[in-house]
Amino acid sequence: MSDLVITGIPESVWGTLLSDAAESNLSVEDYARQLVCDAAARAILAKSHDISAAQLQDNLSAFLRIAESQPIFIHDELGRRFALISFSEFERLTGTSENADN
């Protein structure tokens, strides 16, 4: 994994990072890493309707966070397509509930 050093962050931005990281129970470094990974995942999605299974594997956490609010379409090396959706969206679509009796 590569390292990244960012200098010249304005004080107001730094304050927001500190506050948001604390609110998320993450270190500033972990929170910033999450922001960068999420931004990269969103950039990938903006360029293509589908992502590859390898892209999903490389940045799984970011794509899972994005899937909480929008579907992620995935294709594998065999050309098969899949959709990654949140469990609440799955429940909405199927009319089921995790707490429903089986």
PDB file of N, CA and C in Angstrom:
ATOM      1  N   MET A   1       0.853  -1.172   0.000  1.00  0.00           N
ATOM      2  CA  MET A   1       0.000   0.000   0.000  1.00  0.00           C
ATOM      3  C   MET A   1       0.894   1.228   0.000  1.00  0.00           C
ATOM      4  N   SER A   2       0.527   2.212  -0.776  1.00  0.00           N
ATOM      5  CA  SER A   2       1.301   3.438  -0.890  1.00  0.00           C
ATOM      6  C   SER A   2       0.949   4.412   0.220  1.00  0.00           C
ATOM      7  N   ASP A   3       1.910   5.270   0.536  1.00  0.00           N
ATOM      8  CA  ASP A   3       1.689   6.331   1.508  1.00  0.00           C
ATOM      9  C   ASP A   3       1.431   7.630   0.771  1.00  0.00           C
ATOM     10  N   LEU A   4       0.731   8.534   1.424  1.00  0.00           N
ATOM     11  CA  LEU A   4       0.416   9.835   0.867  1.00  0.00           C
ATOM     12  C   LEU A   4       0.564  10.857   1.975  1.00  0.00           C
ATOM     13  N   VAL A   5       1.296  11.907   1.709  1.00  0.00           N
ATOM     14  CA  VAL A   5       1.436  13.000   2.659  1.00  0.00           C
ATOM     15  C   VAL A   5       0.777  14.219   2.037  1.00  0.00           C
ATOM     16  N   ILE A   6      -0.125  14.840   2.772  1.00  0.00           N
ATOM     17  CA  ILE A   6      -0.824  16.023   2.281  1.00  0.00           C
ATOM     18  C   ILE A   6      -0.448  17.189   3.183  1.00  0.00           C
ATOM     19  N   THR A   7       0.050  18.241   2.579  1.00  0.00           N
ATOM     20  CA  THR A   7       0.406  19.444   3.332  1.00  0.00           C
ATOM     21  C   THR A   7      -0.497  20.585   2.909  1.00  0.00           C
ATOM     22  N   GLY A   8      -0.490  21.631   3.692  1.00  0.00           N
ATOM     23  CA  GLY A   8      -1.234  22.837   3.331  1.00  0.00           C
ATOM     24  C   GLY A   8      -2.735  22.714   3.475  1.00  0.00           C
ATOM     25  N   ILE A   9      -3.201  21.858   4.369  1.00  0.00           N
ATOM     26  CA  ILE A   9      -4.638  21.728   4.598  1.00  0.00           C
ATOM     27  C   ILE A   9      -5.088  22.936   5.418  1.00  0.00           C
ATOM     28  N   PRO A  10      -6.076  23.701   4.933  1.00  0.00           N
ATOM     29  CA  PRO A  10      -6.555  24.859   5.687  1.00  0.00           C
ATOM     30  C   PRO A  10      -7.050  24.457   7.074  1.00  0.00           C
ATOM     31  N   GLU A  11      -6.872  25.345   8.035  1.00  0.00           N
ATOM     32  CA  GLU A  11      -7.266  25.063   9.422  1.00  0.00           C
ATOM     33  C   GLU A  11      -8.740  24.680   9.537  1.00  0.00           C
ATOM     34  N   SER A  12      -9.608  25.347   8.770  1.00  0.00           N
ATOM     35  CA  SER A  12     -11.041  25.030   8.863  1.00  0.00           C
ATOM     36  C   SER A  12     -11.314  23.608   8.362  1.00  0.00           C
ATOM     37  N   VAL A  13     -10.605  23.190   7.327  1.00  0.00           N
ATOM     38  CA  VAL A  13     -10.761  21.829   6.815  1.00  0.00           C
ATOM     39  C   VAL A  13     -10.209  20.831   7.828  1.00  0.00           C
ATOM     40  N   TRP A  14      -9.050  21.149   8.405  1.00  0.00           N
ATOM     41  CA  TRP A  14      -8.447  20.277   9.412  1.00  0.00           C
ATOM     42  C   TRP A  14      -9.389  20.102  10.599  1.00  0.00           C
ATOM     43  N   GLY A  15     -10.003  21.199  11.020  1.00  0.00           N
ATOM     44  CA  GLY A  15     -10.948  21.129  12.132  1.00  0.00           C
ATOM     45  C   GLY A  15     -12.129  20.233  11.811  1.00  0.00           C
ATOM     46  N   THR A  16     -12.632  20.330  10.582  1.00  0.00           N
ATOM     47  CA  THR A  16     -13.734  19.475  10.149  1.00  0.00           C
ATOM     48  C   THR A  16     -13.306  18.013  10.130  1.00  0.00           C
ATOM     49  N   LEU A  17     -12.094  17.742   9.624  1.00  0.00           N
ATOM     50  CA  LEU A  17     -11.588  16.363   9.611  1.00  0.00           C
ATOM     51  C   LEU A  17     -11.493  15.806  11.028  1.00  0.00           C
ATOM     52  N   LEU A  18     -10.940  16.598  11.943  1.00  0.00           N
ATOM     53  CA  LEU A  18     -10.815  16.147  13.334  1.00  0.00           C
ATOM     54  C   LEU A  18     -12.184  15.837  13.934  1.00  0.00           C
ATOM     55  N   SER A  19     -13.123  16.747  13.728  1.00  0.00           N
ATOM     56  CA  SER A  19     -14.458  16.581  14.290  1.00  0.00           C
ATOM     57  C   SER A  19     -15.175  15.376  13.685  1.00  0.00           C
ATOM     58  N   ASP A  20     -15.149  15.266  12.366  1.00  0.00           N
ATOM     59  CA  ASP A  20     -15.833  14.159  11.699  1.00  0.00           C
ATOM     60  C   ASP A  20     -15.190  12.812  12.025  1.00  0.00           C
ATOM     61  N   ALA A  21     -13.864  12.798  12.133  1.00  0.00           N
ATOM     62  CA  ALA A  21     -13.175  11.560  12.495  1.00  0.00           C
ATOM     63  C   ALA A  21     -13.583  11.112  13.889  1.00  0.00           C
ATOM     64  N   ALA A  22     -13.611  12.050  14.828  1.00  0.00           N
ATOM     65  CA  ALA A  22     -14.005  11.715  16.197  1.00  0.00           C
ATOM     66  C   ALA A  22     -15.444  11.208  16.234  1.00  0.00           C
ATOM     67  N   GLU A  23     -16.319  11.857  15.463  1.00  0.00           N
ATOM     68  CA  GLU A  23     -17.717  11.447  15.402  1.00  0.00           C
ATOM     69  C   GLU A  23     -17.863  10.036  14.839  1.00  0.00           C
ATOM     70  N   SER A  24     -16.957   9.661  13.937  1.00  0.00           N
ATOM     71  CA  SER A  24     -16.976   8.334  13.322  1.00  0.00           C
ATOM     72  C   SER A  24     -16.170   7.302  14.105  1.00  0.00           C
ATOM     73  N   ASN A  25     -15.607   7.721  15.245  1.00  0.00           N
ATOM     74  CA  ASN A  25     -14.753   6.854  16.059  1.00  0.00           C
ATOM     75  C   ASN A  25     -13.563   6.326  15.271  1.00  0.00           C
ATOM     76  N   LEU A  26     -12.983   7.193  14.419  1.00  0.00           N
ATOM     77  CA  LEU A  26     -11.813   6.844  13.621  1.00  0.00           C
ATOM     78  C   LEU A  26     -10.703   7.838  13.900  1.00  0.00           C
ATOM     79  N   SER A  27      -9.466   7.405  13.670  1.00  0.00           N
ATOM     80  CA  SER A  27      -8.365   8.357  13.715  1.00  0.00           C
ATOM     81  C   SER A  27      -8.503   9.278  12.512  1.00  0.00           C
ATOM     82  N   VAL A  28      -7.852  10.420  12.553  1.00  0.00           N
ATOM     83  CA  VAL A  28      -7.892  11.337  11.412  1.00  0.00           C
ATOM     84  C   VAL A  28      -7.324  10.646  10.177  1.00  0.00           C
ATOM     85  N   GLU A  29      -6.274   9.863  10.351  1.00  0.00           N
ATOM     86  CA  GLU A  29      -5.666   9.154   9.222  1.00  0.00           C
ATOM     87  C   GLU A  29      -6.641   8.153   8.616  1.00  0.00           C
ATOM     88  N   ASP A  30      -7.312   7.377   9.475  1.00  0.00           N
ATOM     89  CA  ASP A  30      -8.268   6.386   8.972  1.00  0.00           C
ATOM     90  C   ASP A  30      -9.458   7.069   8.298  1.00  0.00           C
ATOM     91  N   TYR A  31      -9.912   8.176   8.882  1.00  0.00           N
ATOM     92  CA  TYR A  31     -11.036   8.898   8.299  1.00  0.00           C
ATOM     93  C   TYR A  31     -10.648   9.492   6.941  1.00  0.00           C
ATOM     94  N   ALA A  32      -9.462  10.087   6.861  1.00  0.00           N
ATOM     95  CA  ALA A  32      -8.989  10.649   5.586  1.00  0.00           C
ATOM     96  C   ALA A  32      -8.814   9.541   4.544  1.00  0.00           C
ATOM     97  N   ARG A  33      -8.292   8.395   4.961  1.00  0.00           N
ATOM     98  CA  ARG A  33      -8.139   7.249   4.053  1.00  0.00           C
ATOM     99  C   ARG A  33      -9.502   6.827   3.508  1.00  0.00           C
ATOM    100  N   GLN A  34     -10.505   6.778   4.379  1.00  0.00           N
ATOM    101  CA  GLN A  34     -11.850   6.414   3.962  1.00  0.00           C
ATOM    102  C   GLN A  34     -12.391   7.426   2.954  1.00  0.00           C
ATOM    103  N   LEU A  35     -12.180   8.711   3.210  1.00  0.00           N
ATOM    104  CA  LEU A  35     -12.639   9.742   2.277  1.00  0.00           C
ATOM    105  C   LEU A  35     -11.984   9.598   0.907  1.00  0.00           C
ATOM    106  N   VAL A  36     -10.677   9.355   0.891  1.00  0.00           N
ATOM    107  CA  VAL A  36      -9.956   9.205  -0.375  1.00  0.00           C
ATOM    108  C   VAL A  36     -10.440   7.954  -1.115  1.00  0.00           C
ATOM    109  N   CYS A  37     -10.586   6.844  -0.409  1.00  0.00           N
ATOM    110  CA  CYS A  37     -11.050   5.604  -1.048  1.00  0.00           C
ATOM    111  C   CYS A  37     -12.465   5.757  -1.582  1.00  0.00           C
ATOM    112  N   ASP A  38     -13.335   6.422  -0.822  1.00  0.00           N
ATOM    113  CA  ASP A  38     -14.704   6.644  -1.288  1.00  0.00           C
ATOM    114  C   ASP A  38     -14.720   7.529  -2.533  1.00  0.00           C
ATOM    115  N   ALA A  39     -13.890   8.568  -2.538  1.00  0.00           N
ATOM    116  CA  ALA A  39     -13.824   9.460  -3.700  1.00  0.00           C
ATOM    117  C   ALA A  39     -13.326   8.701  -4.930  1.00  0.00           C
ATOM    118  N   ALA A  40     -12.341   7.838  -4.748  1.00  0.00           N
ATOM    119  CA  ALA A  40     -11.821   7.052  -5.868  1.00  0.00           C
ATOM    120  C   ALA A  40     -12.896   6.089  -6.378  1.00  0.00           C
ATOM    121  N   ALA A  41     -13.637   5.462  -5.480  1.00  0.00           N
ATOM    122  CA  ALA A  41     -14.701   4.536  -5.877  1.00  0.00           C
ATOM    123  C   ALA A  41     -15.798   5.281  -6.631  1.00  0.00           C
ATOM    124  N   ARG A  42     -16.168   6.470  -6.157  1.00  0.00           N
ATOM    125  CA  ARG A  42     -17.193   7.261  -6.849  1.00  0.00           C
ATOM    126  C   ARG A  42     -16.709   7.704  -8.222  1.00  0.00           C
ATOM    127  N   ALA A  43     -15.421   8.007  -8.355  1.00  0.00           N
ATOM    128  CA  ALA A  43     -14.862   8.381  -9.659  1.00  0.00           C
ATOM    129  C   ALA A  43     -14.928   7.201 -10.630  1.00  0.00           C
ATOM    130  N   ILE A  44     -14.643   6.005 -10.128  1.00  0.00           N
ATOM    131  CA  ILE A  44     -14.736   4.801 -10.962  1.00  0.00           C
ATOM    132  C   ILE A  44     -16.179   4.627 -11.444  1.00  0.00           C
ATOM    133  N   LEU A  45     -17.146   4.796 -10.537  1.00  0.00           N
ATOM    134  CA  LEU A  45     -18.554   4.628 -10.897  1.00  0.00           C
ATOM    135  C   LEU A  45     -19.019   5.707 -11.871  1.00  0.00           C
ATOM    136  N   ALA A  46     -18.462   6.896 -11.765  1.00  0.00           N
ATOM    137  CA  ALA A  46     -18.850   7.987 -12.667  1.00  0.00           C
ATOM    138  C   ALA A  46     -18.390   7.728 -14.096  1.00  0.00           C
ATOM    139  N   LYS A  47     -17.316   6.961 -14.252  1.00  0.00           N
ATOM    140  CA  LYS A  47     -16.763   6.685 -15.577  1.00  0.00           C
ATOM    141  C   LYS A  47     -17.417   5.488 -16.250  1.00  0.00           C
ATOM    142  N   SER A  48     -17.984   4.589 -15.469  1.00  0.00           N
ATOM    143  CA  SER A  48     -18.520   3.351 -16.034  1.00  0.00           C
ATOM    144  C   SER A  48     -19.759   2.927 -15.269  1.00  0.00           C
ATOM    145  N   HIS A  49     -20.730   2.394 -15.998  1.00  0.00           N
ATOM    146  CA  HIS A  49     -21.956   1.918 -15.362  1.00  0.00           C
ATOM    147  C   HIS A  49     -21.674   0.700 -14.475  1.00  0.00           C
ATOM    148  N   ASP A  50     -20.748  -0.143 -14.906  1.00  0.00           N
ATOM    149  CA  ASP A  50     -20.373  -1.345 -14.163  1.00  0.00           C
ATOM    150  C   ASP A  50     -18.946  -1.205 -13.643  1.00  0.00           C
ATOM    151  N   ILE A  51     -18.670  -1.932 -12.564  1.00  0.00           N
ATOM    152  CA  ILE A  51     -17.291  -2.088 -12.110  1.00  0.00           C
ATOM    153  C   ILE A  51     -16.927  -3.555 -12.271  1.00  0.00           C
ATOM    154  N   SER A  52     -15.649  -3.817 -12.321  1.00  0.00           N
ATOM    155  CA  SER A  52     -15.213  -5.207 -12.423  1.00  0.00           C
ATOM    156  C   SER A  52     -15.179  -5.831 -11.028  1.00  0.00           C
ATOM    157  N   ALA A  53     -15.195  -7.143 -11.005  1.00  0.00           N
ATOM    158  CA  ALA A  53     -15.080  -7.852  -9.726  1.00  0.00           C
ATOM    159  C   ALA A  53     -13.749  -7.516  -9.058  1.00  0.00           C
ATOM    160  N   ALA A  54     -12.700  -7.316  -9.853  1.00  0.00           N
ATOM    161  CA  ALA A  54     -11.392  -6.950  -9.303  1.00  0.00           C
ATOM    162  C   ALA A  54     -11.440  -5.569  -8.658  1.00  0.00           C
ATOM    163  N   GLN A  55     -12.134  -4.612  -9.287  1.00  0.00           N
ATOM    164  CA  GLN A  55     -12.270  -3.285  -8.691  1.00  0.00           C
ATOM    165  C   GLN A  55     -13.027  -3.365  -7.371  1.00  0.00           C
ATOM    166  N   LEU A  56     -14.065  -4.188  -7.330  1.00  0.00           N
ATOM    167  CA  LEU A  56     -14.812  -4.380  -6.094  1.00  0.00           C
ATOM    168  C   LEU A  56     -13.909  -4.945  -5.006  1.00  0.00           C
ATOM    169  N   GLN A  57     -13.134  -5.938  -5.354  1.00  0.00           N
ATOM    170  CA  GLN A  57     -12.241  -6.568  -4.384  1.00  0.00           C
ATOM    171  C   GLN A  57     -11.180  -5.585  -3.884  1.00  0.00           C
ATOM    172  N   ASP A  58     -10.655  -4.754  -4.783  1.00  0.00           N
ATOM    173  CA  ASP A  58      -9.604  -3.806  -4.402  1.00  0.00           C
ATOM    174  C   ASP A  58     -10.088  -2.723  -3.451  1.00  0.00           C
ATOM    175  N   ASN A  59     -11.357  -2.367  -3.519  1.00  0.00           N
ATOM    176  CA  ASN A  59     -11.861  -1.266  -2.705  1.00  0.00           C
ATOM    177  C   ASN A  59     -13.233  -1.620  -2.129  1.00  0.00           C
ATOM    178  N   LEU A  60     -13.333  -2.818  -1.579  1.00  0.00           N
ATOM    179  CA  LEU A  60     -14.598  -3.356  -1.092  1.00  0.00           C
ATOM    180  C   LEU A  60     -15.283  -2.438  -0.084  1.00  0.00           C
ATOM    181  N   SER A  61     -14.559  -1.961   0.906  1.00  0.00           N
ATOM    182  CA  SER A  61     -15.183  -1.142   1.955  1.00  0.00           C
ATOM    183  C   SER A  61     -15.849   0.098   1.378  1.00  0.00           C
ATOM    184  N   ALA A  62     -15.167   0.774   0.457  1.00  0.00           N
ATOM    185  CA  ALA A  62     -15.743   1.981  -0.144  1.00  0.00           C
ATOM    186  C   ALA A  62     -16.991   1.651  -0.942  1.00  0.00           C
ATOM    187  N   PHE A  63     -16.938   0.584  -1.739  1.00  0.00           N
ATOM    188  CA  PHE A  63     -18.120   0.231  -2.531  1.00  0.00           C
ATOM    189  C   PHE A  63     -19.273  -0.214  -1.646  1.00  0.00           C
ATOM    190  N   LEU A  64     -18.996  -0.852  -0.528  1.00  0.00           N
ATOM    191  CA  LEU A  64     -20.069  -1.216   0.406  1.00  0.00           C
ATOM    192  C   LEU A  64     -20.713   0.029   1.004  1.00  0.00           C
ATOM    193  N   ARG A  65     -19.894   1.040   1.337  1.00  0.00           N
ATOM    194  CA  ARG A  65     -20.463   2.286   1.852  1.00  0.00           C
ATOM    195  C   ARG A  65     -21.343   2.952   0.791  1.00  0.00           C
ATOM    196  N   ILE A  66     -20.900   2.940  -0.456  1.00  0.00           N
ATOM    197  CA  ILE A  66     -21.683   3.542  -1.532  1.00  0.00           C
ATOM    198  C   ILE A  66     -22.970   2.756  -1.757  1.00  0.00           C
ATOM    199  N   ALA A  67     -22.899   1.435  -1.664  1.00  0.00           N
ATOM    200  CA  ALA A  67     -24.076   0.590  -1.889  1.00  0.00           C
ATOM    201  C   ALA A  67     -25.161   0.817  -0.850  1.00  0.00           C
ATOM    202  N   GLU A  68     -24.828   1.461   0.258  1.00  0.00           N
ATOM    203  CA  GLU A  68     -25.859   1.800   1.241  1.00  0.00           C
ATOM    204  C   GLU A  68     -26.851   2.801   0.671  1.00  0.00           C
ATOM    205  N   SER A  69     -26.430   3.585  -0.338  1.00  0.00           N
ATOM    206  CA  SER A  69     -27.308   4.615  -0.884  1.00  0.00           C
ATOM    207  C   SER A  69     -27.617   4.459  -2.368  1.00  0.00           C
ATOM    208  N   GLN A  70     -26.891   3.586  -3.066  1.00  0.00           N
ATOM    209  CA  GLN A  70     -27.172   3.364  -4.488  1.00  0.00           C
ATOM    210  C   GLN A  70     -26.680   1.985  -4.891  1.00  0.00           C
ATOM    211  N   PRO A  71     -27.310   1.391  -5.895  1.00  0.00           N
ATOM    212  CA  PRO A  71     -26.846   0.072  -6.334  1.00  0.00           C
ATOM    213  C   PRO A  71     -25.495   0.161  -7.038  1.00  0.00           C
ATOM    214  N   ILE A  72     -24.708  -0.888  -6.896  1.00  0.00           N
ATOM    215  CA  ILE A  72     -23.419  -1.007  -7.573  1.00  0.00           C
ATOM    216  C   ILE A  72     -23.559  -2.190  -8.534  1.00  0.00           C
ATOM    217  N   PHE A  73     -23.242  -1.975  -9.798  1.00  0.00           N
ATOM    218  CA  PHE A  73     -23.330  -3.034 -10.794  1.00  0.00           C
ATOM    219  C   PHE A  73     -21.933  -3.575 -11.067  1.00  0.00           C
ATOM    220  N   ILE A  74     -21.814  -4.903 -11.017  1.00  0.00           N
ATOM    221  CA  ILE A  74     -20.512  -5.572 -11.086  1.00  0.00           C
ATOM    222  C   ILE A  74     -20.544  -6.567 -12.238  1.00  0.00           C
ATOM    223  N   HIS A  75     -19.444  -6.656 -12.960  1.00  0.00           N
ATOM    224  CA  HIS A  75     -19.316  -7.713 -13.974  1.00  0.00           C
ATOM    225  C   HIS A  75     -18.054  -8.513 -13.666  1.00  0.00           C
ATOM    226  N   ASP A  76     -18.104  -9.796 -13.963  1.00  0.00           N
ATOM    227  CA  ASP A  76     -16.938 -10.639 -13.726  1.00  0.00           C
ATOM    228  C   ASP A  76     -16.258 -10.968 -15.050  1.00  0.00           C
ATOM    229  N   GLU A  77     -15.205 -11.753 -14.964  1.00  0.00           N
ATOM    230  CA  GLU A  77     -14.412 -12.081 -16.151  1.00  0.00           C
ATOM    231  C   GLU A  77     -15.181 -12.939 -17.149  1.00  0.00           C
ATOM    232  N   LEU A  78     -16.293 -13.538 -16.726  1.00  0.00           N
ATOM    233  CA  LEU A  78     -17.126 -14.339 -17.620  1.00  0.00           C
ATOM    234  C   LEU A  78     -18.249 -13.512 -18.262  1.00  0.00           C
ATOM    235  N   GLY A  79     -18.301 -12.225 -17.914  1.00  0.00           N
ATOM    236  CA  GLY A  79     -19.327 -11.358 -18.474  1.00  0.00           C
ATOM    237  C   GLY A  79     -20.643 -11.376 -17.715  1.00  0.00           C
ATOM    238  N   ARG A  80     -20.699 -12.097 -16.603  1.00  0.00           N
ATOM    239  CA  ARG A  80     -21.914 -12.121 -15.798  1.00  0.00           C
ATOM    240  C   ARG A  80     -22.050 -10.782 -15.071  1.00  0.00           C
ATOM    241  N   ARG A  81     -23.285 -10.342 -14.842  1.00  0.00           N
ATOM    242  CA  ARG A  81     -23.525  -9.076 -14.153  1.00  0.00           C
ATOM    243  C   ARG A  81     -24.268  -9.331 -12.847  1.00  0.00           C
ATOM    244  N   PHE A  82     -23.916  -8.544 -11.850  1.00  0.00           N
ATOM    245  CA  PHE A  82     -24.510  -8.645 -10.523  1.00  0.00           C
ATOM    246  C   PHE A  82     -24.823  -7.247 -10.022  1.00  0.00           C
ATOM    247  N   ALA A  83     -25.707  -7.163  -9.052  1.00  0.00           N
ATOM    248  CA  ALA A  83     -26.020  -5.889  -8.415  1.00  0.00           C
ATOM    249  C   ALA A  83     -25.761  -6.022  -6.919  1.00  0.00           C
ATOM    250  N   LEU A  84     -25.070  -5.048  -6.374  1.00  0.00           N
ATOM    251  CA  LEU A  84     -24.823  -4.978  -4.949  1.00  0.00           C
ATOM    252  C   LEU A  84     -25.731  -3.885  -4.399  1.00  0.00           C
ATOM    253  N   ILE A  85     -26.634  -4.270  -3.500  1.00  0.00           N
ATOM    254  CA  ILE A  85     -27.562  -3.317  -2.903  1.00  0.00           C
ATOM    255  C   ILE A  85     -27.536  -3.480  -1.391  1.00  0.00           C
ATOM    256  N   SER A  86     -28.017  -2.466  -0.698  1.00  0.00           N
ATOM    257  CA  SER A  86     -28.083  -2.558   0.758  1.00  0.00           C
ATOM    258  C   SER A  86     -29.146  -3.575   1.159  1.00  0.00           C
ATOM    259  N   PHE A  87     -29.012  -4.081   2.369  1.00  0.00           N
ATOM    260  CA  PHE A  87     -30.000  -5.051   2.842  1.00  0.00           C
ATOM    261  C   PHE A  87     -31.366  -4.405   2.984  1.00  0.00           C
ATOM    262  N   SER A  88     -31.412  -3.151   3.403  1.00  0.00           N
ATOM    263  CA  SER A  88     -32.706  -2.473   3.524  1.00  0.00           C
ATOM    264  C   SER A  88     -33.371  -2.329   2.158  1.00  0.00           C
ATOM    265  N   GLU A  89     -32.589  -2.075   1.108  1.00  0.00           N
ATOM    266  CA  GLU A  89     -33.153  -2.014  -0.245  1.00  0.00           C
ATOM    267  C   GLU A  89     -33.628  -3.396  -0.684  1.00  0.00           C
ATOM    268  N   PHE A  90     -32.885  -4.439  -0.355  1.00  0.00           N
ATOM    269  CA  PHE A  90     -33.311  -5.808  -0.655  1.00  0.00           C
ATOM    270  C   PHE A  90     -34.652  -6.104   0.019  1.00  0.00           C
ATOM    271  N   GLU A  91     -34.771  -5.736   1.295  1.00  0.00           N
ATOM    272  CA  GLU A  91     -36.021  -5.956   2.023  1.00  0.00           C
ATOM    273  C   GLU A  91     -37.169  -5.185   1.376  1.00  0.00           C
ATOM    274  N   ARG A  92     -36.887  -3.939   0.957  1.00  0.00           N
ATOM    275  CA  ARG A  92     -37.919  -3.137   0.316  1.00  0.00           C
ATOM    276  C   ARG A  92     -38.381  -3.782  -0.990  1.00  0.00           C
ATOM    277  N   LEU A  93     -37.438  -4.252  -1.778  1.00  0.00           N
ATOM    278  CA  LEU A  93     -37.764  -4.857  -3.077  1.00  0.00           C
ATOM    279  C   LEU A  93     -38.488  -6.189  -2.944  1.00  0.00           C
ATOM    280  N   THR A  94     -38.143  -6.964  -1.940  1.00  0.00           N
ATOM    281  CA  THR A  94     -38.737  -8.290  -1.790  1.00  0.00           C
ATOM    282  C   THR A  94     -39.934  -8.306  -0.849  1.00  0.00           C
ATOM    283  N   GLY A  95     -40.134  -7.214  -0.136  1.00  0.00           N
ATOM    284  CA  GLY A  95     -41.238  -7.166   0.815  1.00  0.00           C
ATOM    285  C   GLY A  95     -40.999  -8.027   2.026  1.00  0.00           C
ATOM    286  N   THR A  96     -39.729  -8.302   2.318  1.00  0.00           N
ATOM    287  CA  THR A  96     -39.377  -9.111   3.478  1.00  0.00           C
ATOM    288  C   THR A  96     -38.745  -8.226   4.545  1.00  0.00           C
ATOM    289  N   SER A  97     -38.630  -8.772   5.706  1.00  0.00           N
ATOM    290  CA  SER A  97     -37.998  -8.070   6.813  1.00  0.00           C
ATOM    291  C   SER A  97     -37.111  -9.039   7.555  1.00  0.00           C
ATOM    292  N   GLU A  98     -35.966  -8.565   7.999  1.00  0.00           N
ATOM    293  CA  GLU A  98     -35.042  -9.424   8.738  1.00  0.00           C
ATOM    294  C   GLU A  98     -35.700  -9.965   9.999  1.00  0.00           C
ATOM    295  N   ASN A  99     -36.619  -9.218  10.566  1.00  0.00           N
ATOM    296  CA  ASN A  99     -37.267  -9.625  11.806  1.00  0.00           C
ATOM    297  C   ASN A  99     -38.558 -10.402  11.569  1.00  0.00           C
ATOM    298  N   ALA A 100     -38.923 -10.616  10.310  1.00  0.00           N
ATOM    299  CA  ALA A 100     -40.161 -11.341  10.007  1.00  0.00           C
ATOM    300  C   ALA A 100     -40.018 -12.810  10.383  1.00  0.00           C
ATOM    301  N   ASP A 101     -41.132 -13.406  10.747  1.00  0.00           N
ATOM    302  CA  ASP A 101     -41.122 -14.840  11.065  1.00  0.00           C
ATOM    303  C   ASP A 101     -40.904 -15.632   9.777  1.00  0.00           C
ATOM    304  N   ASN A 102     -40.162 -16.740   9.856  1.00  0.00           N
ATOM    305  CA  ASN A 102     -39.883 -17.566   8.679  1.00  0.00           C
ATOM    306  C   ASN A 102     -40.898 -18.642   8.508  1.00  0.00           C
TER     307      ASN A 102
END
